[in-house]
């Protein structure tokens, strides 16, 4: 009869250990899932901001395309991005900061 009670207590201890390990594993899984979820939410937020920026650019391009005023757009790009100037325009640059 001593073996039966020892076997039952061993089985109870093993069952408790398995339950405890399972609970710990579930808790760890929940923590990692929450961390991943927070990361994905931040990614989503960044993508939404980028989408808004691209939509805004697209609206500007669409407006320019619809206005048939492509020459003024080219002129604006040449002046702003490529530092072009009108033939009669005089530009002054502050070189004292260099």
N, C-alpha and C. Protein backbone atom coordinates (compact mmCIF):
# COMPACT_ATOMS: atom_id res chain seq x y z
N UNK A 1 0.81 -1.18 0.00
CA UNK A 1 0.00 0.00 0.00
C UNK A 1 0.86 1.25 0.00
N UNK A 2 2.05 1.20 0.43
CA UNK A 2 2.93 2.35 0.45
C UNK A 2 3.28 2.81 -0.94
N UNK A 3 3.37 1.87 -1.85
CA UNK A 3 3.71 2.23 -3.23
C UNK A 3 2.59 2.99 -3.91
N UNK A 4 1.34 2.61 -3.61
CA UNK A 4 0.21 3.28 -4.24
C UNK A 4 0.15 4.74 -3.81
N UNK A 5 0.33 5.04 -2.53
CA UNK A 5 0.26 6.43 -2.06
C UNK A 5 1.47 7.21 -2.57
N UNK A 6 2.60 6.58 -2.69
CA UNK A 6 3.79 7.25 -3.23
C UNK A 6 3.59 7.53 -4.71
N UNK A 7 3.01 6.60 -5.43
CA UNK A 7 2.72 6.78 -6.86
C UNK A 7 1.71 7.89 -7.08
N UNK A 8 0.67 7.93 -6.22
CA UNK A 8 -0.35 8.98 -6.35
C UNK A 8 0.23 10.34 -6.03
N UNK A 9 1.07 10.44 -4.99
CA UNK A 9 1.65 11.74 -4.65
C UNK A 9 2.64 12.18 -5.74
N UNK A 10 3.36 11.24 -6.34
CA UNK A 10 4.26 11.57 -7.44
C UNK A 10 3.46 12.08 -8.64
N UNK A 11 2.34 11.41 -8.91
CA UNK A 11 1.47 11.81 -10.01
C UNK A 11 0.88 13.21 -9.75
N UNK A 12 0.49 13.48 -8.52
CA UNK A 12 -0.03 14.80 -8.16
C UNK A 12 1.03 15.88 -8.32
N UNK A 13 2.25 15.59 -7.89
CA UNK A 13 3.35 16.55 -8.03
C UNK A 13 3.64 16.81 -9.50
N UNK A 14 3.68 15.76 -10.31
CA UNK A 14 3.92 15.92 -11.75
C UNK A 14 2.80 16.73 -12.39
N UNK A 15 1.57 16.47 -12.01
CA UNK A 15 0.43 17.21 -12.55
C UNK A 15 0.53 18.68 -12.19
N UNK A 16 0.87 18.96 -10.95
CA UNK A 16 1.01 20.36 -10.51
C UNK A 16 2.15 21.05 -11.26
N UNK A 17 3.25 20.36 -11.43
CA UNK A 17 4.38 20.94 -12.16
C UNK A 17 3.98 21.25 -13.60
N UNK A 18 3.28 20.32 -14.23
CA UNK A 18 2.83 20.51 -15.62
C UNK A 18 1.88 21.70 -15.70
N UNK A 19 0.97 21.82 -14.75
CA UNK A 19 0.02 22.94 -14.74
C UNK A 19 0.77 24.26 -14.54
N UNK A 20 1.70 24.29 -13.61
CA UNK A 20 2.47 25.51 -13.35
C UNK A 20 3.29 25.91 -14.57
N UNK A 21 3.96 24.95 -15.18
CA UNK A 21 4.75 25.24 -16.38
C UNK A 21 3.84 25.73 -17.50
N UNK A 22 2.68 25.13 -17.65
CA UNK A 22 1.73 25.56 -18.68
C UNK A 22 1.25 26.99 -18.45
N UNK A 23 0.95 27.32 -17.20
CA UNK A 23 0.51 28.68 -16.87
C UNK A 23 1.63 29.68 -17.15
N UNK A 24 2.85 29.35 -16.78
CA UNK A 24 3.99 30.23 -17.04
C UNK A 24 4.19 30.40 -18.55
N UNK A 25 4.09 29.30 -19.30
CA UNK A 25 4.24 29.38 -20.76
C UNK A 25 3.16 30.26 -21.38
N UNK A 26 1.93 30.13 -20.90
CA UNK A 26 0.85 30.98 -21.40
C UNK A 26 1.10 32.45 -21.08
N UNK A 27 1.58 32.72 -19.88
CA UNK A 27 1.86 34.09 -19.48
C UNK A 27 2.96 34.70 -20.35
N UNK A 28 4.03 33.94 -20.57
CA UNK A 28 5.13 34.40 -21.41
C UNK A 28 4.62 34.65 -22.83
N UNK A 29 3.79 33.76 -23.33
CA UNK A 29 3.23 33.90 -24.67
C UNK A 29 2.38 35.18 -24.77
N UNK A 30 1.60 35.46 -23.76
CA UNK A 30 0.76 36.67 -23.74
C UNK A 30 1.64 37.92 -23.73
N UNK A 31 2.69 37.91 -22.94
CA UNK A 31 3.59 39.07 -22.86
C UNK A 31 4.24 39.33 -24.22
N UNK A 32 4.76 38.28 -24.85
CA UNK A 32 5.39 38.45 -26.16
C UNK A 32 4.37 38.88 -27.22
N UNK A 33 3.17 38.37 -27.15
CA UNK A 33 2.13 38.77 -28.09
C UNK A 33 1.78 40.23 -27.92
N UNK A 34 1.68 40.71 -26.69
CA UNK A 34 1.38 42.11 -26.44
C UNK A 34 2.50 43.02 -26.94
N UNK A 35 3.75 42.60 -26.75
CA UNK A 35 4.88 43.38 -27.24
C UNK A 35 4.85 43.45 -28.77
N UNK A 36 4.57 42.34 -29.39
CA UNK A 36 4.48 42.29 -30.85
C UNK A 36 3.33 43.16 -31.35
N UNK A 37 2.22 43.12 -30.65
CA UNK A 37 1.05 43.92 -31.02
C UNK A 37 1.37 45.41 -30.94
N UNK A 38 2.06 45.82 -29.89
CA UNK A 38 2.44 47.24 -29.75
C UNK A 38 3.36 47.65 -30.89
N UNK A 39 4.29 46.79 -31.25
CA UNK A 39 5.21 47.07 -32.36
C UNK A 39 4.44 47.20 -33.68
N UNK A 40 3.51 46.31 -33.90
CA UNK A 40 2.72 46.34 -35.15
C UNK A 40 1.82 47.57 -35.19
N UNK A 41 1.31 47.99 -34.05
CA UNK A 41 0.49 49.21 -34.01
C UNK A 41 1.33 50.43 -34.38
N UNK A 42 2.55 50.48 -33.90
CA UNK A 42 3.44 51.59 -34.24
C UNK A 42 3.77 51.57 -35.74
N UNK A 43 4.00 50.38 -36.28
CA UNK A 43 4.24 50.25 -37.72
C UNK A 43 3.02 50.74 -38.50
N UNK A 44 1.84 50.37 -38.05
CA UNK A 44 0.61 50.80 -38.71
C UNK A 44 0.48 52.32 -38.69
N UNK A 45 0.79 52.91 -37.55
CA UNK A 45 0.72 54.36 -37.42
C UNK A 45 1.68 55.03 -38.40
N UNK A 46 2.90 54.53 -38.49
CA UNK A 46 3.88 55.09 -39.42
C UNK A 46 3.43 54.93 -40.86
N UNK A 47 2.84 53.78 -41.18
CA UNK A 47 2.34 53.56 -42.54
C UNK A 47 1.16 54.48 -42.86
N UNK A 48 0.31 54.73 -41.88
CA UNK A 48 -0.80 55.65 -42.09
C UNK A 48 -0.31 57.07 -42.34
N UNK A 49 0.72 57.48 -41.61
CA UNK A 49 1.30 58.81 -41.84
C UNK A 49 1.91 58.90 -43.23
N UNK A 50 2.61 57.85 -43.62
CA UNK A 50 3.22 57.82 -44.96
C UNK A 50 2.13 57.84 -46.03
N UNK A 51 1.03 57.13 -45.80
CA UNK A 51 -0.08 57.11 -46.75
C UNK A 51 -0.66 58.51 -46.91
N UNK A 52 -0.85 59.22 -45.80
CA UNK A 52 -1.38 60.58 -45.87
C UNK A 52 -0.44 61.49 -46.66
N UNK A 53 0.86 61.34 -46.43
CA UNK A 53 1.84 62.15 -47.13
C UNK A 53 1.80 61.86 -48.64
N UNK A 54 1.73 60.61 -49.00
CA UNK A 54 1.70 60.24 -50.41
C UNK A 54 0.40 60.70 -51.06
N UNK A 55 -0.72 60.58 -50.34
CA UNK A 55 -2.00 61.06 -50.88
C UNK A 55 -1.95 62.56 -51.11
N UNK A 56 -1.33 63.28 -50.21
CA UNK A 56 -1.20 64.73 -50.36
C UNK A 56 -0.36 65.06 -51.60
N UNK A 57 0.75 64.35 -51.77
CA UNK A 57 1.58 64.55 -52.96
C UNK A 57 0.79 64.21 -54.22
N UNK A 58 0.05 63.13 -54.16
CA UNK A 58 -0.74 62.70 -55.31
C UNK A 58 -1.78 63.75 -55.68
N UNK A 59 -2.43 64.34 -54.68
CA UNK A 59 -3.40 65.40 -54.95
C UNK A 59 -2.74 66.60 -55.62
N UNK A 60 -1.53 66.94 -55.16
CA UNK A 60 -0.80 68.05 -55.76
C UNK A 60 -0.46 67.73 -57.22
N UNK A 61 0.02 66.53 -57.47
CA UNK A 61 0.34 66.13 -58.85
C UNK A 61 -0.92 66.11 -59.72
N UNK A 62 -2.00 65.64 -59.16
CA UNK A 62 -3.26 65.59 -59.92
C UNK A 62 -3.74 67.00 -60.25
N UNK A 63 -3.61 67.90 -59.28
CA UNK A 63 -4.00 69.29 -59.51
C UNK A 63 -3.15 69.89 -60.63
N UNK A 64 -1.85 69.64 -60.58
CA UNK A 64 -0.97 70.17 -61.62
C UNK A 64 -1.29 69.56 -62.98
N UNK A 65 -1.57 68.31 -62.99
CA UNK A 65 -1.90 67.61 -64.24
C UNK A 65 -3.20 68.15 -64.83
N UNK A 66 -4.17 68.39 -63.97
CA UNK A 66 -5.47 68.87 -64.44
C UNK A 66 -5.43 70.34 -64.85
N UNK A 67 -4.53 71.12 -64.28
CA UNK A 67 -4.44 72.55 -64.59
C UNK A 67 -3.80 72.82 -65.95
N UNK A 68 -3.19 71.84 -66.52
CA UNK A 68 -2.46 72.02 -67.77
C UNK A 68 -1.44 73.14 -67.66
N UNK A 69 -0.94 73.34 -66.46
CA UNK A 69 0.05 74.38 -66.23
C UNK A 69 1.38 73.72 -65.90
N UNK A 70 1.78 72.82 -66.76
CA UNK A 70 2.99 72.04 -66.50
C UNK A 70 4.24 72.91 -66.58
N UNK A 71 4.19 73.96 -67.40
CA UNK A 71 5.37 74.82 -67.52
C UNK A 71 5.70 75.53 -66.21
N UNK A 72 4.69 76.01 -65.51
CA UNK A 72 4.96 76.67 -64.22
C UNK A 72 5.46 75.65 -63.20
N UNK A 73 4.99 74.43 -63.30
CA UNK A 73 5.47 73.38 -62.40
C UNK A 73 6.94 73.08 -62.68
N UNK A 74 7.29 72.97 -63.95
CA UNK A 74 8.70 72.73 -64.31
C UNK A 74 9.57 73.89 -63.84
N UNK A 75 9.06 75.09 -64.00
CA UNK A 75 9.80 76.27 -63.56
C UNK A 75 10.02 76.24 -62.06
N UNK A 76 9.00 75.89 -61.33
CA UNK A 76 9.10 75.81 -59.87
C UNK A 76 10.14 74.77 -59.46
N UNK A 77 10.11 73.60 -60.10
CA UNK A 77 11.10 72.56 -59.79
C UNK A 77 12.51 73.01 -60.12
N UNK A 78 12.68 73.67 -61.26
CA UNK A 78 14.01 74.13 -61.66
C UNK A 78 14.56 75.14 -60.66
N UNK A 79 13.72 76.04 -60.20
CA UNK A 79 14.17 77.07 -59.26
C UNK A 79 14.44 76.48 -57.88
N UNK A 80 13.52 75.65 -57.38
CA UNK A 80 13.63 75.14 -56.01
C UNK A 80 14.65 74.01 -55.89
N UNK A 81 14.64 73.08 -56.82
CA UNK A 81 15.47 71.89 -56.67
C UNK A 81 16.82 71.97 -57.37
N UNK A 82 16.89 72.72 -58.45
CA UNK A 82 18.12 72.74 -59.22
C UNK A 82 18.83 74.09 -59.17
N UNK A 83 18.30 75.00 -58.37
CA UNK A 83 18.89 76.34 -58.16
C UNK A 83 19.03 77.13 -59.45
N UNK A 84 18.13 76.95 -60.36
CA UNK A 84 18.12 77.75 -61.58
C UNK A 84 17.61 79.14 -61.24
N UNK A 85 17.88 80.10 -62.12
CA UNK A 85 17.41 81.47 -61.92
C UNK A 85 16.99 82.03 -63.27
N UNK A 86 16.20 83.08 -63.21
CA UNK A 86 15.83 83.79 -64.43
C UNK A 86 17.05 84.52 -64.96
N UNK A 87 17.08 84.77 -66.27
CA UNK A 87 18.25 85.45 -66.84
C UNK A 87 18.51 86.83 -66.24
N UNK A 88 17.49 87.55 -65.88
CA UNK A 88 17.67 88.88 -65.32
C UNK A 88 17.67 88.88 -63.78
N UNK A 89 17.66 87.72 -63.19
CA UNK A 89 17.60 87.61 -61.72
C UNK A 89 19.01 87.62 -61.15
N UNK A 90 19.18 88.36 -60.08
CA UNK A 90 20.46 88.41 -59.39
C UNK A 90 20.25 87.76 -58.02
N UNK A 91 21.06 86.78 -57.71
CA UNK A 91 20.95 86.10 -56.41
C UNK A 91 22.18 86.42 -55.58
N UNK A 92 21.93 86.59 -54.30
CA UNK A 92 23.00 86.86 -53.36
C UNK A 92 23.03 85.70 -52.36
N UNK A 93 24.21 85.22 -52.07
CA UNK A 93 24.38 84.11 -51.14
C UNK A 93 25.26 84.56 -49.99
N UNK A 94 24.86 84.17 -48.80
CA UNK A 94 25.62 84.49 -47.59
C UNK A 94 26.74 83.46 -47.44
N UNK A 95 27.96 83.87 -47.73
CA UNK A 95 29.11 82.96 -47.64
C UNK A 95 29.85 83.10 -46.33
N UNK A 96 29.41 83.99 -45.47
CA UNK A 96 30.11 84.19 -44.20
C UNK A 96 29.87 83.02 -43.22
N UNK A 97 28.87 82.21 -43.50
CA UNK A 97 28.55 81.08 -42.59
C UNK A 97 29.42 79.88 -42.88
N UNK A 98 30.09 79.85 -43.98
CA UNK A 98 30.92 78.68 -44.34
C UNK A 98 32.18 78.68 -43.61
